[in-house]
Amino acid sequence: MNASASNIANLTTAGSLEEGRQAPYTPLTTVSKSLGEPTGGVRTDVVPKNPPFVPAYDPDSPFADDQGIIGLPNISLEEEIVNLKLSEITYKANIATIKASEDMSKELLSIFDDEV
C-alpha cells in the first residue's frame, strides 16, 4: 500500500536520463514469496520497478537533453489504483478471518463453561 501511495505521489517527478544529473523518481513495486512452511505465510518485499523510467518529450523541462527528452517514472496511475484497491480488499479479508477465529474461540470456551 505504501509503495502504491508513494508512486502516485511521485507520478510526475521527472528527471534527466543523462548520467550525473538528477534522475527521475524510481517507482516501487512489491514482490511476494511463499514462506513454504506448514503454517503458511507470505513474505512481501518492496523493490525498485524495472525499468524505472520511460522517456518523454518535454523540451521546456530543466531536465531535458539536447533532443528535449526527459525521464518520467514508469508508473501507471490505473495500475496503482487497482493495487490500492486490492490491498484494501486483502486487509478486510484478513480482519474478517481474525474476527471469525476470535468468535470460534469464544464459542469453544463457552461450550466448556457450560459443561463445567
N, C-alpha and C. Protein backbone atom coordinates (compact mmCIF):
# COMPACT_ATOMS: atom_id res chain seq x y z
N MET A 1 0.83 -1.18 0.00
CA MET A 1 0.00 0.00 0.00
C MET A 1 0.88 1.26 0.00
N ASN A 2 1.95 1.24 0.81
CA ASN A 2 2.85 2.39 0.86
C ASN A 2 3.56 2.60 -0.47
N ALA A 3 3.93 1.51 -1.14
CA ALA A 3 4.61 1.64 -2.43
C ALA A 3 3.70 2.31 -3.45
N SER A 4 2.44 1.89 -3.52
CA SER A 4 1.50 2.50 -4.46
C SER A 4 1.24 3.96 -4.13
N ALA A 5 1.09 4.28 -2.85
CA ALA A 5 0.87 5.67 -2.45
C ALA A 5 2.06 6.54 -2.82
N SER A 6 3.26 6.03 -2.61
CA SER A 6 4.47 6.77 -2.97
C SER A 6 4.56 6.95 -4.48
N ASN A 7 4.22 5.91 -5.23
CA ASN A 7 4.25 6.01 -6.69
C ASN A 7 3.26 7.04 -7.20
N ILE A 8 2.06 7.05 -6.64
CA ILE A 8 1.05 8.02 -7.08
C ILE A 8 1.50 9.44 -6.75
N ALA A 9 2.09 9.63 -5.57
CA ALA A 9 2.55 10.96 -5.17
C ALA A 9 3.67 11.46 -6.08
N ASN A 10 4.46 10.56 -6.64
CA ASN A 10 5.60 10.95 -7.48
C ASN A 10 5.37 10.65 -8.96
N LEU A 11 4.12 10.57 -9.35
CA LEU A 11 3.76 10.21 -10.72
C LEU A 11 4.44 11.09 -11.76
N THR A 12 4.60 12.37 -11.48
CA THR A 12 5.18 13.31 -12.46
C THR A 12 6.53 13.85 -12.02
N THR A 13 7.21 13.15 -11.11
CA THR A 13 8.52 13.60 -10.65
C THR A 13 9.56 13.23 -11.71
N ALA A 14 9.79 14.19 -12.60
CA ALA A 14 10.67 13.97 -13.75
C ALA A 14 12.13 14.13 -13.35
N GLY A 15 12.99 13.72 -14.24
CA GLY A 15 14.43 13.87 -14.06
C GLY A 15 15.11 13.68 -15.40
N SER A 16 16.42 13.72 -15.34
CA SER A 16 17.21 13.57 -16.55
C SER A 16 17.60 12.12 -16.75
N LEU A 17 17.69 11.72 -18.00
CA LEU A 17 18.16 10.37 -18.32
C LEU A 17 19.67 10.35 -18.50
N GLU A 18 20.29 11.53 -18.46
CA GLU A 18 21.74 11.63 -18.64
C GLU A 18 22.46 11.30 -17.34
N GLU A 19 23.58 10.62 -17.47
CA GLU A 19 24.40 10.23 -16.32
C GLU A 19 24.92 11.48 -15.59
N GLY A 20 24.86 11.44 -14.28
CA GLY A 20 25.39 12.53 -13.47
C GLY A 20 24.41 13.64 -13.17
N ARG A 21 23.23 13.60 -13.74
CA ARG A 21 22.20 14.61 -13.45
C ARG A 21 21.12 13.96 -12.61
N GLN A 22 20.21 14.80 -12.08
CA GLN A 22 19.15 14.28 -11.21
C GLN A 22 18.26 13.31 -11.97
N ALA A 23 18.18 12.10 -11.45
CA ALA A 23 17.37 11.05 -12.08
C ALA A 23 15.91 11.22 -11.69
N PRO A 24 15.00 10.69 -12.50
CA PRO A 24 13.58 10.70 -12.11
C PRO A 24 13.36 9.83 -10.88
N TYR A 25 12.20 9.99 -10.27
CA TYR A 25 11.80 9.13 -9.15
C TYR A 25 11.81 7.68 -9.62
N THR A 26 12.35 6.81 -8.80
CA THR A 26 12.35 5.38 -9.10
C THR A 26 11.13 4.74 -8.45
N PRO A 27 10.16 4.29 -9.26
CA PRO A 27 8.95 3.69 -8.69
C PRO A 27 9.24 2.38 -7.97
N LEU A 28 8.36 2.05 -7.05
CA LEU A 28 8.50 0.84 -6.25
C LEU A 28 7.40 -0.16 -6.60
N THR A 29 7.71 -1.41 -6.42
CA THR A 29 6.73 -2.47 -6.60
C THR A 29 6.93 -3.50 -5.50
N THR A 30 5.97 -4.38 -5.33
CA THR A 30 6.09 -5.41 -4.30
C THR A 30 6.25 -6.78 -4.94
N VAL A 31 7.03 -7.61 -4.28
CA VAL A 31 7.24 -8.99 -4.72
C VAL A 31 6.90 -9.88 -3.53
N SER A 32 5.96 -10.79 -3.72
CA SER A 32 5.54 -11.69 -2.65
C SER A 32 6.10 -13.09 -2.89
N LYS A 33 6.49 -13.73 -1.78
CA LYS A 33 7.06 -15.07 -1.87
C LYS A 33 6.49 -15.92 -0.74
N SER A 34 6.05 -17.12 -1.07
CA SER A 34 5.54 -18.05 -0.07
C SER A 34 6.68 -18.49 0.84
N LEU A 35 6.41 -18.55 2.14
CA LEU A 35 7.42 -19.00 3.08
C LEU A 35 7.58 -20.51 3.06
N GLY A 36 6.61 -21.22 2.49
CA GLY A 36 6.70 -22.66 2.32
C GLY A 36 6.65 -23.46 3.60
N GLU A 37 6.20 -22.85 4.67
CA GLU A 37 6.11 -23.55 5.94
C GLU A 37 4.72 -24.17 6.07
N PRO A 38 4.59 -25.19 6.93
CA PRO A 38 3.28 -25.84 7.10
C PRO A 38 2.18 -24.87 7.55
N THR A 39 2.56 -23.85 8.29
CA THR A 39 1.56 -22.89 8.77
C THR A 39 1.24 -21.84 7.72
N GLY A 40 1.93 -21.87 6.60
CA GLY A 40 1.67 -20.91 5.54
C GLY A 40 2.42 -19.62 5.78
N GLY A 41 1.98 -18.60 5.12
CA GLY A 41 2.60 -17.30 5.27
C GLY A 41 3.22 -16.83 3.98
N VAL A 42 3.32 -15.53 3.87
CA VAL A 42 3.89 -14.90 2.69
C VAL A 42 4.80 -13.78 3.14
N ARG A 43 5.92 -13.64 2.46
CA ARG A 43 6.81 -12.51 2.72
C ARG A 43 6.73 -11.59 1.51
N THR A 44 6.54 -10.31 1.77
CA THR A 44 6.45 -9.33 0.70
C THR A 44 7.57 -8.32 0.86
N ASP A 45 8.32 -8.11 -0.21
CA ASP A 45 9.41 -7.13 -0.21
C ASP A 45 9.08 -6.02 -1.19
N VAL A 46 9.54 -4.81 -0.86
CA VAL A 46 9.39 -3.66 -1.74
C VAL A 46 10.70 -3.51 -2.50
N VAL A 47 10.61 -3.50 -3.83
CA VAL A 47 11.80 -3.42 -4.68
C VAL A 47 11.58 -2.35 -5.75
N PRO A 48 12.67 -1.81 -6.32
CA PRO A 48 12.53 -0.85 -7.41
C PRO A 48 11.92 -1.51 -8.64
N LYS A 49 11.07 -0.77 -9.33
CA LYS A 49 10.43 -1.29 -10.55
C LYS A 49 11.44 -1.30 -11.69
N ASN A 50 11.31 -2.29 -12.56
CA ASN A 50 12.23 -2.38 -13.69
C ASN A 50 11.45 -2.48 -14.98
N PRO A 51 11.65 -1.62 -15.96
CA PRO A 51 12.54 -0.46 -15.96
C PRO A 51 11.94 0.68 -15.14
N PRO A 52 12.80 1.46 -14.48
CA PRO A 52 12.28 2.51 -13.60
C PRO A 52 11.76 3.75 -14.33
N PHE A 53 12.31 4.03 -15.50
CA PHE A 53 11.97 5.29 -16.19
C PHE A 53 11.49 5.03 -17.61
N VAL A 54 10.73 5.99 -18.12
CA VAL A 54 10.34 5.99 -19.53
C VAL A 54 10.70 7.36 -20.10
N PRO A 55 11.16 7.41 -21.34
CA PRO A 55 11.47 8.70 -21.93
C PRO A 55 10.19 9.44 -22.31
N ALA A 56 10.25 10.76 -22.21
CA ALA A 56 9.12 11.61 -22.60
C ALA A 56 9.68 12.89 -23.21
N TYR A 57 8.92 13.47 -24.11
CA TYR A 57 9.35 14.69 -24.78
C TYR A 57 8.82 15.90 -24.02
N ASP A 58 9.74 16.72 -23.51
CA ASP A 58 9.38 17.96 -22.81
C ASP A 58 10.56 18.92 -22.93
N PRO A 59 10.67 19.60 -24.08
CA PRO A 59 11.84 20.45 -24.32
C PRO A 59 11.96 21.63 -23.36
N ASP A 60 10.88 22.01 -22.69
CA ASP A 60 10.92 23.14 -21.76
C ASP A 60 11.36 22.75 -20.36
N SER A 61 11.50 21.47 -20.10
CA SER A 61 11.89 20.99 -18.77
C SER A 61 13.37 21.28 -18.51
N PRO A 62 13.71 21.64 -17.28
CA PRO A 62 15.13 21.83 -16.96
C PRO A 62 15.92 20.51 -17.02
N PHE A 63 15.24 19.39 -17.08
CA PHE A 63 15.90 18.08 -17.15
C PHE A 63 16.10 17.60 -18.59
N ALA A 64 15.59 18.35 -19.57
CA ALA A 64 15.63 17.92 -20.97
C ALA A 64 17.05 17.87 -21.50
N ASP A 65 17.30 16.85 -22.34
CA ASP A 65 18.60 16.78 -23.02
C ASP A 65 18.52 17.61 -24.30
N ASP A 66 19.52 17.47 -25.17
CA ASP A 66 19.57 18.27 -26.41
C ASP A 66 18.38 18.01 -27.33
N GLN A 67 17.78 16.82 -27.25
CA GLN A 67 16.63 16.49 -28.09
C GLN A 67 15.30 16.78 -27.38
N GLY A 68 15.34 17.31 -26.16
CA GLY A 68 14.12 17.62 -25.42
C GLY A 68 13.54 16.43 -24.67
N ILE A 69 14.33 15.39 -24.48
CA ILE A 69 13.86 14.17 -23.82
C ILE A 69 14.17 14.23 -22.32
N ILE A 70 13.17 13.87 -21.52
CA ILE A 70 13.33 13.75 -20.07
C ILE A 70 12.96 12.33 -19.65
N GLY A 71 13.20 12.03 -18.41
CA GLY A 71 12.78 10.73 -17.88
C GLY A 71 11.61 10.92 -16.95
N LEU A 72 10.60 10.10 -17.11
CA LEU A 72 9.46 10.07 -16.19
C LEU A 72 9.41 8.70 -15.52
N PRO A 73 8.91 8.64 -14.30
CA PRO A 73 8.79 7.34 -13.64
C PRO A 73 7.87 6.41 -14.43
N ASN A 74 8.22 5.15 -14.48
CA ASN A 74 7.43 4.14 -15.18
C ASN A 74 6.26 3.73 -14.29
N ILE A 75 5.26 4.62 -14.21
CA ILE A 75 4.12 4.42 -13.32
C ILE A 75 2.83 4.54 -14.12
N SER A 76 1.94 3.60 -13.90
CA SER A 76 0.60 3.65 -14.47
C SER A 76 -0.37 3.98 -13.33
N LEU A 77 -1.03 5.13 -13.40
CA LEU A 77 -1.96 5.53 -12.36
C LEU A 77 -3.06 4.49 -12.19
N GLU A 78 -3.56 3.96 -13.29
CA GLU A 78 -4.62 2.95 -13.23
C GLU A 78 -4.15 1.71 -12.47
N GLU A 79 -2.95 1.26 -12.78
CA GLU A 79 -2.40 0.07 -12.11
C GLU A 79 -2.22 0.32 -10.61
N GLU A 80 -1.77 1.51 -10.26
CA GLU A 80 -1.56 1.83 -8.84
C GLU A 80 -2.89 1.89 -8.08
N ILE A 81 -3.92 2.42 -8.71
CA ILE A 81 -5.24 2.48 -8.06
C ILE A 81 -5.79 1.07 -7.85
N VAL A 82 -5.61 0.20 -8.85
CA VAL A 82 -6.04 -1.20 -8.70
C VAL A 82 -5.26 -1.86 -7.56
N ASN A 83 -3.95 -1.62 -7.48
CA ASN A 83 -3.14 -2.19 -6.40
C ASN A 83 -3.63 -1.72 -5.03
N LEU A 84 -3.98 -0.44 -4.92
CA LEU A 84 -4.51 0.07 -3.65
C LEU A 84 -5.82 -0.61 -3.29
N LYS A 85 -6.69 -0.79 -4.27
CA LYS A 85 -7.99 -1.44 -4.01
C LYS A 85 -7.78 -2.90 -3.60
N LEU A 86 -6.87 -3.60 -4.27
CA LEU A 86 -6.58 -4.99 -3.89
C LEU A 86 -6.02 -5.07 -2.48
N SER A 87 -5.18 -4.12 -2.11
CA SER A 87 -4.64 -4.09 -0.74
C SER A 87 -5.76 -3.90 0.27
N GLU A 88 -6.69 -3.01 -0.04
CA GLU A 88 -7.83 -2.76 0.85
C GLU A 88 -8.66 -4.04 1.03
N ILE A 89 -8.94 -4.72 -0.07
CA ILE A 89 -9.74 -5.95 -0.01
C ILE A 89 -9.00 -7.02 0.80
N THR A 90 -7.69 -7.13 0.61
CA THR A 90 -6.89 -8.11 1.35
C THR A 90 -6.92 -7.82 2.84
N TYR A 91 -6.75 -6.55 3.22
CA TYR A 91 -6.80 -6.20 4.64
C TYR A 91 -8.16 -6.54 5.24
N LYS A 92 -9.23 -6.24 4.52
CA LYS A 92 -10.57 -6.54 5.03
C LYS A 92 -10.77 -8.05 5.19
N ALA A 93 -10.26 -8.83 4.25
CA ALA A 93 -10.38 -10.29 4.35
C ALA A 93 -9.59 -10.81 5.55
N ASN A 94 -8.41 -10.26 5.78
CA ASN A 94 -7.61 -10.68 6.93
C ASN A 94 -8.30 -10.34 8.24
N ILE A 95 -8.90 -9.17 8.31
CA ILE A 95 -9.63 -8.78 9.53
C ILE A 95 -10.81 -9.71 9.76
N ALA A 96 -11.53 -10.05 8.70
CA ALA A 96 -12.68 -10.97 8.83
C ALA A 96 -12.21 -12.34 9.32
N THR A 97 -11.07 -12.80 8.86
CA THR A 97 -10.53 -14.08 9.31
C THR A 97 -10.18 -14.04 10.79
N ILE A 98 -9.55 -12.95 11.22
CA ILE A 98 -9.19 -12.80 12.64
C ILE A 98 -10.45 -12.77 13.51
N LYS A 99 -11.46 -12.03 13.07
CA LYS A 99 -12.71 -11.96 13.84
C LYS A 99 -13.39 -13.33 13.91
N ALA A 100 -13.39 -14.07 12.81
CA ALA A 100 -14.00 -15.41 12.82
C ALA A 100 -13.25 -16.33 13.77
N SER A 101 -11.94 -16.24 13.79
CA SER A 101 -11.15 -17.06 14.71
C SER A 101 -11.45 -16.71 16.16
N GLU A 102 -11.56 -15.42 16.45
CA GLU A 102 -11.91 -15.00 17.81
C GLU A 102 -13.30 -15.50 18.21
N ASP A 103 -14.25 -15.40 17.29
CA ASP A 103 -15.62 -15.87 17.57
C ASP A 103 -15.64 -17.37 17.85
N MET A 104 -14.89 -18.14 17.07
CA MET A 104 -14.84 -19.59 17.28
C MET A 104 -14.19 -19.92 18.63
N SER A 105 -13.16 -19.18 18.99
CA SER A 105 -12.51 -19.41 20.29
C SER A 105 -13.46 -19.11 21.44
N LYS A 106 -14.20 -18.01 21.33
CA LYS A 106 -15.17 -17.66 22.37
C LYS A 106 -16.27 -18.72 22.47
N GLU A 107 -16.73 -19.20 21.33
CA GLU A 107 -17.78 -20.23 21.32
C GLU A 107 -17.27 -21.52 21.97
N LEU A 108 -16.04 -21.90 21.66
CA LEU A 108 -15.47 -23.10 22.25
C LEU A 108 -15.34 -22.95 23.76
N LEU A 109 -14.89 -21.80 24.22
CA LEU A 109 -14.77 -21.57 25.66
C LEU A 109 -16.13 -21.58 26.35
N SER A 110 -17.15 -21.06 25.69
CA SER A 110 -18.49 -21.06 26.29
C SER A 110 -19.04 -22.49 26.39
N ILE A 111 -18.71 -23.35 25.43
CA ILE A 111 -19.13 -24.75 25.50
C ILE A 111 -18.49 -25.43 26.71
N PHE A 112 -17.20 -25.19 26.93
CA PHE A 112 -16.52 -25.77 28.09
C PHE A 112 -17.08 -25.22 29.39
N ASP A 113 -17.42 -23.93 29.42
CA ASP A 113 -18.00 -23.33 30.62
C ASP A 113 -19.35 -23.96 30.95
N ASP A 114 -20.15 -24.25 29.92
CA ASP A 114 -21.47 -24.85 30.13
C ASP A 114 -21.36 -26.26 30.69
N GLU A 115 -20.32 -26.99 30.31
CA GLU A 115 -20.15 -28.37 30.76
C GLU A 115 -19.57 -28.46 32.16
N VAL A 116 -18.89 -27.42 32.60
CA VAL A 116 -18.23 -27.47 33.92
C VAL A 116 -19.12 -27.02 35.00
